[in-house]
Amino acid sequence: MISGLTTKKIDSIEFGLLSPEDIRKMSIAQIVVADTYDEDTACIVGVQRIRELGTQMTLRT
């Protein structure tokens, strides 16, 4: 343990599961294609990259 570190005890943790319907209600986009790049690492035409899912646009030179 690191000296000078403040620790706290957690009394309990609760976990739950979401139904598929609840997950759909919370979704921001419908993913219909799993791939965004082809085998040559070129962008697949028509595939959207969504910032909220952690994807970024990259410039190729």
C-alpha atoms as a PDB file:
ATOM      1  CA  MET A   1       0.000   0.000   0.000  1.00  0.00           C
ATOM      2  CA  ILE A   2       1.182   3.521  -0.770  1.00  0.00           C
ATOM      3  CA  SER A   3       1.995   5.568   2.323  1.00  0.00           C
ATOM      4  CA  GLY A   4      -0.041   8.740   2.858  1.00  0.00           C
ATOM      5  CA  LEU A   5      -2.934   7.385   0.773  1.00  0.00           C
ATOM      6  CA  THR A   6      -6.437   7.884   2.177  1.00  0.00           C
ATOM      7  CA  THR A   7      -8.561   4.756   1.940  1.00  0.00           C
ATOM      8  CA  LYS A   8     -12.272   4.229   2.410  1.00  0.00           C
ATOM      9  CA  LYS A   9     -14.258   1.072   2.982  1.00  0.00           C
ATOM     10  CA  ILE A  10     -17.168   0.332   0.653  1.00  0.00           C
ATOM     11  CA  ASP A  11     -20.096  -1.246   2.444  1.00  0.00           C
ATOM     12  CA  SER A  12     -21.825  -2.678  -0.612  1.00  0.00           C
ATOM     13  CA  ILE A  13     -22.084  -2.648  -4.393  1.00  0.00           C
ATOM     14  CA  GLU A  14     -25.198  -3.446  -6.409  1.00  0.00           C
ATOM     15  CA  PHE A  15     -25.201  -4.702  -9.980  1.00  0.00           C
ATOM     16  CA  GLY A  16     -28.116  -4.991 -12.339  1.00  0.00           C
ATOM     17  CA  LEU A  17     -28.921  -6.031 -15.882  1.00  0.00           C
ATOM     18  CA  LEU A  18     -30.658  -4.084 -18.605  1.00  0.00           C
ATOM     19  CA  SER A  19     -33.165  -5.702 -20.912  1.00  0.00           C
ATOM     20  CA  PRO A  20     -32.535  -5.538 -24.664  1.00  0.00           C
ATOM     21  CA  GLU A  21     -35.459  -3.110 -24.940  1.00  0.00           C
ATOM     22  CA  ASP A  22     -33.955  -0.785 -22.289  1.00  0.00           C
ATOM     23  CA  ILE A  23     -30.650  -0.814 -24.146  1.00  0.00           C
ATOM     24  CA  ARG A  24     -32.387   0.098 -27.415  1.00  0.00           C
ATOM     25  CA  LYS A  25     -34.173   3.005 -25.689  1.00  0.00           C
ATOM     26  CA  MET A  26     -30.812   4.402 -24.481  1.00  0.00           C
ATOM     27  CA  SER A  27     -29.005   3.957 -27.812  1.00  0.00           C
ATOM     28  CA  ILE A  28     -27.804   6.904 -29.887  1.00  0.00           C
ATOM     29  CA  ALA A  29     -27.384   5.066 -33.198  1.00  0.00           C
ATOM     30  CA  GLN A  30     -28.295   1.843 -34.944  1.00  0.00           C
ATOM     31  CA  ILE A  31     -25.225  -0.127 -35.990  1.00  0.00           C
ATOM     32  CA  VAL A  32     -25.955  -2.184 -39.095  1.00  0.00           C
ATOM     33  CA  VAL A  33     -22.393  -2.807 -40.358  1.00  0.00           C
ATOM     34  CA  ALA A  34     -19.630  -3.925 -38.013  1.00  0.00           C
ATOM     35  CA  ASP A  35     -16.765  -2.872 -40.298  1.00  0.00           C
ATOM     36  CA  THR A  36     -15.634   0.703 -40.975  1.00  0.00           C
ATOM     37  CA  TYR A  37     -12.531  -0.149 -43.024  1.00  0.00           C
ATOM     38  CA  ASP A  38     -11.915  -2.716 -45.739  1.00  0.00           C
ATOM     39  CA  GLU A  39      -8.962  -5.137 -45.816  1.00  0.00           C
ATOM     40  CA  ASP A  40      -6.762  -2.412 -47.363  1.00  0.00           C
ATOM     41  CA  THR A  41      -7.576  -0.054 -44.422  1.00  0.00           C
ATOM     42  CA  ALA A  42      -9.615   2.215 -46.682  1.00  0.00           C
ATOM     43  CA  CYS A  43     -12.868   3.676 -45.372  1.00  0.00           C
ATOM     44  CA  ILE A  44     -15.935   1.778 -46.493  1.00  0.00           C
ATOM     45  CA  VAL A  45     -18.201   4.126 -48.442  1.00  0.00           C
ATOM     46  CA  GLY A  46     -21.489   4.833 -46.680  1.00  0.00           C
ATOM     47  CA  VAL A  47     -20.350   3.774 -43.209  1.00  0.00           C
ATOM     48  CA  GLN A  48     -20.826   6.498 -40.643  1.00  0.00           C
ATOM     49  CA  ARG A  49     -18.281   7.073 -37.916  1.00  0.00           C
ATOM     50  CA  ILE A  50     -19.925   8.304 -34.740  1.00  0.00           C
ATOM     51  CA  ARG A  51     -17.949  10.490 -32.319  1.00  0.00           C
ATOM     52  CA  GLU A  52     -20.030   9.341 -29.319  1.00  0.00           C
ATOM     53  CA  LEU A  53     -18.826   5.776 -29.920  1.00  0.00           C
ATOM     54  CA  GLY A  54     -15.198   6.882 -29.738  1.00  0.00           C
ATOM     55  CA  THR A  55     -14.409   6.938 -33.459  1.00  0.00           C
ATOM     56  CA  GLN A  56     -12.575   9.804 -35.090  1.00  0.00           C
ATOM     57  CA  MET A  57     -12.117  11.109 -38.584  1.00  0.00           C
ATOM     58  CA  THR A  58      -8.530  10.758 -39.769  1.00  0.00           C
ATOM     59  CA  LEU A  59      -6.971  12.563 -42.702  1.00  0.00           C
ATOM     60  CA  ARG A  60      -4.886  10.576 -45.136  1.00  0.00           C
ATOM     61  CA  THR A  61      -2.161  12.277 -47.112  1.00  0.00           C
END
